Amino acid sequence: MNQSQNRMKYFWLSFTPLLAVLAIQSAASIFIMQLELITFIGTSPITDFGTFVRAGLSHLTGTNTMSLILFVYGVFALLATSLWYRAFRKKTYPDMETGNSPSEALTDAKDSLRGYKKGRLIAGILLCGVAFQIVMNYFTTVLAMIRPDWLKTYEDAMKASGVGTEQVSVFIVLYMIIGPLSEELTFRGLTYGYARRAMGFWGANAVQAILFGVFHMNPLQGIMAAVVGLLLGYVYGKTNNIFVTMGIHLTFNATSFLMGETDFTGFGPFVFFLLILGCLIVTYAAIRLILSSRPVAVPKEKAPEDGGAAHM
């Protein structure tokens, strides 16, 4: 297989992680809905058929069922992507331009925190997640003003899953932990990894970010996810460490949950833009802090003379 065919193969393979998690999500939906339907039929005291059907549909589309589906999906997606990512990282391949290990693999730590300056790393992760969440809060607010229909679609999706309700299900809380972990493995780990074998850093980063946006299934959240995906993909490409982006993603989501319905736009235009500028500066500084926390770079492995692949 020549180099052009090899790149094309990896480009198409970069779509398979998304297809895999969507298949797991569909399977989880079918299984849980069937289980809930059987339970409802067996326990419902309703005798009127019309009332029974309406109540059954309400039960199957309710927040309890939706949150359970998300939890079950999250567990199986995390298990599948963890095993897949582990197998993927064991494979070797040459950089498409130099024949050496990929240019973004700057340290020998890889997917561990060994050798990192922990204080800098933790501070960088927390600052990055919080500051960029505030930036994206503004960004989505502006988008929602332009397209109110997108906002309604997004809010309906959140309420259906139980996120927008006053009493948050324990399944949603658990999913908010395991969901970002599986998403990082799927998009930054696998999708970016395959795409990076087909193209340069920025092309691979754009591919995984776009597919990350598509995964969220509604325009408002999809655009936001794509922008966040670019940031996470950049950090992953520079650290080659999935645990770092997992930490940022978890912090980002936790900040969103804790902020709730906070509306920063009420501060007025001057403070509005000043706060955005400040948070962008903090985000940049946080990324620099994360990168400065890495272990000392080691020399890249020289490409074998026979053209064989070098280890990542």
Protein backbone atom coordinates (compact mmCIF):
# COMPACT_ATOMS: atom_id res chain seq x y z
CA MET A 1 0.00 0.00 0.00
CA ASN A 2 1.53 3.35 -1.06
CA GLN A 3 1.61 6.46 1.12
CA SER A 4 -1.43 8.05 -0.55
CA GLN A 5 -3.57 4.93 -0.03
CA ASN A 6 -2.33 4.66 3.55
CA ARG A 7 -3.38 8.22 4.32
CA MET A 8 -6.79 7.69 2.76
CA LYS A 9 -7.28 4.53 4.82
CA TYR A 10 -6.57 6.36 8.07
CA PHE A 11 -8.75 9.30 7.05
CA TRP A 12 -11.78 7.02 6.68
CA LEU A 13 -10.84 5.17 9.86
CA SER A 14 -11.08 8.49 11.73
CA PHE A 15 -14.87 8.30 11.27
CA THR A 16 -15.20 4.85 12.85
CA PRO A 17 -15.00 5.94 16.53
CA LEU A 18 -17.99 8.25 16.05
CA LEU A 19 -19.96 5.52 14.28
CA ALA A 20 -19.07 3.07 17.04
CA VAL A 21 -20.28 5.27 19.92
CA LEU A 22 -23.47 6.14 18.01
CA ALA A 23 -24.10 2.41 17.58
CA ILE A 24 -23.56 1.86 21.33
CA GLN A 25 -25.93 4.74 22.06
CA SER A 26 -28.62 3.25 19.80
CA ALA A 27 -28.20 -0.20 21.36
CA ALA A 28 -28.46 1.27 24.88
CA SER A 29 -31.62 3.18 23.89
CA ILE A 30 -33.32 0.09 22.45
CA PHE A 31 -32.37 -2.12 25.40
CA ILE A 32 -33.41 0.32 28.14
CA MET A 33 -36.66 1.30 26.41
CA GLN A 34 -37.65 -2.33 25.99
CA LEU A 35 -36.81 -3.03 29.62
CA GLU A 36 -38.76 0.03 30.79
CA LEU A 37 -41.73 -0.90 28.58
CA ILE A 38 -41.88 -4.42 29.98
CA THR A 39 -41.68 -3.04 33.52
CA PHE A 40 -44.41 -0.48 32.81
CA ILE A 41 -46.74 -3.08 31.29
CA GLY A 42 -46.22 -5.39 34.23
CA THR A 43 -46.76 -2.80 36.95
CA SER A 44 -49.22 -0.26 35.52
CA PRO A 45 -52.73 -0.36 37.08
CA ILE A 46 -54.25 1.61 34.16
CA THR A 47 -57.08 -0.24 32.40
CA ASP A 48 -58.16 2.30 29.79
CA PHE A 49 -56.17 1.63 26.59
CA GLY A 50 -55.86 5.25 25.44
CA THR A 51 -54.71 6.41 28.86
CA PHE A 52 -52.33 3.44 29.07
CA VAL A 53 -50.69 4.31 25.72
CA ARG A 54 -50.26 7.99 26.64
CA ALA A 55 -48.85 7.12 30.04
CA GLY A 56 -46.50 4.57 28.47
CA LEU A 57 -45.15 7.06 25.96
CA SER A 58 -44.71 9.64 28.69
CA HIS A 59 -42.81 7.09 30.77
CA LEU A 60 -40.51 6.05 27.90
CA THR A 61 -39.64 9.64 27.01
CA GLY A 62 -39.38 10.86 30.60
CA THR A 63 -36.21 12.09 32.25
CA ASN A 64 -35.75 8.92 34.32
CA THR A 65 -35.62 6.72 31.24
CA MET A 66 -33.47 9.17 29.28
CA SER A 67 -30.96 9.59 32.10
CA LEU A 68 -30.74 5.81 32.54
CA ILE A 69 -30.07 5.41 28.81
CA LEU A 70 -27.28 7.98 28.98
CA PHE A 71 -25.72 6.25 31.98
CA VAL A 72 -25.80 2.78 30.40
CA TYR A 73 -24.47 4.18 27.14
CA GLY A 74 -21.70 6.01 29.00
CA VAL A 75 -20.55 2.90 30.84
CA PHE A 76 -20.34 0.73 27.71
CA ALA A 77 -18.86 3.54 25.59
CA LEU A 78 -16.15 4.13 28.19
CA LEU A 79 -15.34 0.42 28.36
CA ALA A 80 -15.24 0.01 24.56
CA THR A 81 -13.21 3.14 23.85
CA SER A 82 -10.76 2.40 26.67
CA LEU A 83 -9.95 -1.02 25.21
CA TRP A 84 -9.83 0.38 21.67
CA TYR A 85 -7.59 3.28 22.65
CA ARG A 86 -5.24 1.02 24.56
CA ALA A 87 -4.86 -1.25 21.54
CA PHE A 88 -4.47 1.75 19.23
CA ARG A 89 -1.67 3.28 21.30
CA LYS A 90 0.31 0.04 21.16
CA LYS A 91 0.53 0.21 17.37
CA THR A 92 3.47 1.95 15.74
CA TYR A 93 3.54 4.17 12.69
CA PRO A 94 5.94 6.66 11.11
CA ASP A 95 5.29 10.36 10.85
CA MET A 96 3.95 11.03 7.37
CA GLU A 97 6.66 13.61 6.62
CA THR A 98 9.81 12.54 8.47
CA GLY A 99 9.42 8.84 9.16
CA ASN A 100 10.02 9.51 12.87
CA SER A 101 7.53 9.20 15.70
CA PRO A 102 4.70 11.78 15.48
CA SER A 103 5.83 15.36 15.97
CA GLU A 104 3.25 16.00 18.68
CA ALA A 105 4.62 13.25 20.93
CA LEU A 106 6.94 15.60 22.83
CA THR A 107 7.53 13.64 26.02
CA ASP A 108 8.03 10.09 27.17
CA ALA A 109 5.23 10.40 29.75
CA LYS A 110 2.41 9.76 27.25
CA ASP A 111 -0.77 8.71 29.07
CA SER A 112 0.53 9.06 32.59
CA LEU A 113 1.29 11.98 34.88
CA ARG A 114 4.79 10.75 35.64
CA GLY A 115 7.28 13.59 35.59
CA TYR A 116 4.70 16.37 35.33
CA LYS A 117 4.94 19.39 37.61
CA LYS A 118 1.67 18.58 39.36
CA GLY A 119 0.94 22.01 40.82
CA ARG A 120 1.26 23.73 37.45
CA LEU A 121 -0.70 21.02 35.72
CA ILE A 122 -3.66 21.11 38.13
CA ALA A 123 -3.76 24.91 38.15
CA GLY A 124 -3.64 24.99 34.36
CA ILE A 125 -6.42 22.41 33.99
CA LEU A 126 -8.73 24.18 36.45
CA LEU A 127 -8.13 27.66 35.04
CA CYS A 128 -8.54 26.46 31.46
CA GLY A 129 -11.82 24.63 32.13
CA VAL A 130 -13.41 27.45 34.13
CA ALA A 131 -12.27 30.36 31.95
CA PHE A 132 -13.17 28.73 28.67
CA GLN A 133 -16.59 27.72 29.99
CA ILE A 134 -17.34 31.39 30.67
CA VAL A 135 -16.18 32.29 27.15
CA MET A 136 -18.40 29.59 25.65
CA ASN A 137 -21.32 30.73 27.84
CA TYR A 138 -21.11 34.11 26.12
CA PHE A 139 -20.62 32.52 22.73
CA THR A 140 -23.72 30.32 23.04
CA THR A 141 -25.75 33.24 24.42
CA VAL A 142 -24.97 35.27 21.29
CA LEU A 143 -25.79 32.29 19.04
CA ALA A 144 -29.08 31.79 20.92
CA MET A 145 -30.00 35.43 20.33
CA ILE A 146 -29.38 34.98 16.61
CA ARG A 147 -31.17 31.62 16.41
CA PRO A 148 -33.78 31.22 19.18
CA ASP A 149 -34.95 27.97 17.57
CA TRP A 150 -31.52 26.46 18.23
CA LEU A 151 -31.82 27.47 21.87
CA LYS A 152 -35.22 25.77 22.18
CA THR A 153 -33.89 22.57 20.61
CA TYR A 154 -30.94 22.61 23.00
CA GLU A 155 -33.09 23.28 26.08
CA ASP A 156 -35.53 20.50 25.11
CA ALA A 157 -32.63 18.08 24.78
CA MET A 158 -31.24 19.06 28.18
CA LYS A 159 -34.62 18.77 29.90
CA ALA A 160 -35.29 15.39 28.29
CA SER A 161 -32.02 14.06 29.69
CA GLY A 162 -32.74 15.53 33.12
CA VAL A 163 -30.01 18.17 33.13
CA GLY A 164 -32.43 21.09 33.01
CA THR A 165 -34.64 19.86 35.84
CA GLU A 166 -34.56 20.93 39.48
CA GLN A 167 -33.92 17.40 40.76
CA VAL A 168 -30.95 15.97 38.86
CA SER A 169 -30.92 12.18 38.59
CA VAL A 170 -27.99 10.28 40.07
CA PHE A 171 -27.58 8.67 36.65
CA ILE A 172 -27.02 12.10 35.08
CA VAL A 173 -24.45 13.00 37.73
CA LEU A 174 -22.58 9.76 37.00
CA TYR A 175 -22.86 10.32 33.25
CA MET A 176 -21.42 13.82 33.64
CA ILE A 177 -18.31 12.08 35.00
CA ILE A 178 -17.98 9.11 32.66
CA GLY A 179 -19.33 10.89 29.55
CA PRO A 180 -16.38 13.30 29.17
CA LEU A 181 -13.94 10.42 29.73
CA SER A 182 -15.38 8.35 26.89
CA GLU A 183 -15.66 11.44 24.66
CA GLU A 184 -11.98 12.22 25.14
CA LEU A 185 -11.02 8.67 24.25
CA THR A 186 -13.35 8.71 21.24
CA PHE A 187 -12.47 12.08 19.71
CA ARG A 188 -9.10 13.28 21.00
CA GLY A 189 -7.65 9.80 21.41
CA LEU A 190 -9.01 7.72 18.52
CA THR A 191 -10.48 10.15 15.96
CA TYR A 192 -7.53 12.55 16.20
CA GLY A 193 -5.12 9.62 16.31
CA TYR A 194 -6.37 8.12 13.06
CA ALA A 195 -6.69 11.51 11.36
CA ARG A 196 -3.13 12.45 12.41
CA ARG A 197 -1.86 9.46 10.48
CA ALA A 198 -3.56 10.85 7.37
CA MET A 199 -2.77 14.56 7.62
CA GLY A 200 -1.00 17.30 9.53
CA PHE A 201 -1.79 18.50 13.04
CA TRP A 202 -4.30 21.23 12.21
CA GLY A 203 -6.17 19.10 9.69
CA ALA A 204 -6.47 16.24 12.18
CA ASN A 205 -7.54 18.66 14.91
CA ALA A 206 -10.26 20.11 12.66
CA VAL A 207 -11.58 16.63 11.74
CA GLN A 208 -11.96 15.49 15.35
CA ALA A 209 -13.50 18.82 16.42
CA ILE A 210 -16.10 18.74 13.63
CA LEU A 211 -17.05 15.14 14.39
CA PHE A 212 -17.24 16.02 18.10
CA GLY A 213 -19.75 18.72 17.18
CA VAL A 214 -21.76 16.34 14.98
CA PHE A 215 -21.93 13.87 17.86
CA HIS A 216 -23.97 16.34 19.97
CA MET A 217 -26.85 16.23 17.45
CA ASN A 218 -28.19 19.80 17.82
CA PRO A 219 -26.84 22.98 16.19
CA LEU A 220 -26.22 25.11 19.29
CA GLN A 221 -24.49 22.44 21.33
CA GLY A 222 -22.76 21.08 18.23
CA ILE A 223 -21.10 24.40 17.36
CA MET A 224 -20.06 24.88 20.98
CA ALA A 225 -18.65 21.33 21.12
CA ALA A 226 -16.68 21.87 17.91
CA VAL A 227 -15.04 25.01 19.31
CA VAL A 228 -14.24 23.26 22.60
CA GLY A 229 -12.98 20.28 20.59
CA LEU A 230 -10.43 22.50 18.82
CA LEU A 231 -9.05 23.63 22.18
CA LEU A 232 -8.92 20.11 23.60
CA GLY A 233 -7.41 18.75 20.39
CA TYR A 234 -4.68 21.38 20.53
CA VAL A 235 -3.80 20.45 24.12
CA TYR A 236 -3.85 16.74 23.32
CA GLY A 237 -1.64 17.22 20.27
CA LYS A 238 0.91 19.13 22.34
CA THR A 239 0.91 16.86 25.40
CA ASN A 240 0.09 13.48 23.84
CA ASN A 241 -1.67 12.79 27.13
CA ILE A 242 -5.37 11.91 27.27
CA PHE A 243 -5.53 12.44 31.04
CA VAL A 244 -4.81 16.14 30.62
CA THR A 245 -7.73 16.73 28.25
CA MET A 246 -9.96 14.57 30.41
CA GLY A 247 -9.22 16.91 33.32
CA ILE A 248 -10.02 20.03 31.26
CA HIS A 249 -13.23 18.47 29.91
CA LEU A 250 -14.44 17.45 33.37
CA THR A 251 -13.68 20.92 34.74
CA PHE A 252 -15.45 22.57 31.79
CA ASN A 253 -18.61 20.48 32.33
CA ALA A 254 -18.55 20.88 36.11
CA THR A 255 -18.30 24.67 35.72
CA SER A 256 -21.32 24.63 33.41
CA PHE A 257 -23.29 22.59 35.94
CA LEU A 258 -22.33 24.84 38.87
CA MET A 259 -23.02 28.04 36.93
CA GLY A 260 -26.54 26.84 36.12
CA GLU A 261 -28.62 29.70 34.73
CA THR A 262 -26.07 32.40 35.55
CA ASP A 263 -26.44 35.26 33.05
CA PHE A 264 -23.21 37.25 32.74
CA THR A 265 -24.64 39.41 29.94
CA GLY A 266 -26.57 41.50 32.48
CA PHE A 267 -23.36 43.29 33.45
CA GLY A 268 -23.49 45.56 30.38
CA PRO A 269 -21.53 45.67 27.10
CA PHE A 270 -18.24 46.99 28.53
CA VAL A 271 -18.01 44.39 31.28
CA PHE A 272 -19.29 41.79 28.79
CA PHE A 273 -16.33 42.24 26.43
CA LEU A 274 -13.87 42.86 29.25
CA LEU A 275 -14.79 39.58 30.91
CA ILE A 276 -14.53 37.67 27.63
CA LEU A 277 -11.12 39.19 26.92
CA GLY A 278 -9.97 38.39 30.44
CA CYS A 279 -11.15 34.79 30.21
CA LEU A 280 -9.47 34.34 26.82
CA ILE A 281 -6.21 35.62 28.31
CA VAL A 282 -6.62 33.27 31.29
CA THR A 283 -7.32 30.36 28.92
CA TYR A 284 -4.16 31.11 26.96
CA ALA A 285 -2.12 31.45 30.14
CA ALA A 286 -3.61 28.19 31.46
CA ILE A 287 -2.59 26.30 28.32
CA ARG A 288 0.93 27.68 28.61
CA LEU A 289 0.94 26.59 32.24
CA ILE A 290 -0.12 23.07 31.23
CA LEU A 291 2.55 22.85 28.55
CA SER A 292 5.22 24.12 30.93
CA SER A 293 4.29 21.38 33.40
CA ARG A 294 5.30 18.59 31.00
CA PRO A 295 8.36 16.44 31.63
CA VAL A 296 11.53 17.47 29.83
CA ALA A 297 11.32 16.55 26.16
CA VAL A 298 13.37 13.59 25.02
CA PRO A 299 15.06 13.24 21.63
CA LYS A 300 12.85 11.66 19.01
CA GLU A 301 13.69 8.16 17.95
CA LYS A 302 15.58 8.03 14.69
CA ALA A 303 13.72 6.40 11.82
CA PRO A 304 14.94 2.87 11.01
CA GLU A 305 16.96 2.72 7.82
CA ASP A 306 14.74 0.02 6.38
CA GLY A 307 11.74 2.40 6.53
CA GLY A 308 10.05 0.51 9.37
CA ALA A 309 7.83 2.31 11.84
CA ALA A 310 9.18 3.86 15.02
CA HIS A 311 7.36 3.68 18.33
CA MET A 312 5.09 6.51 19.37
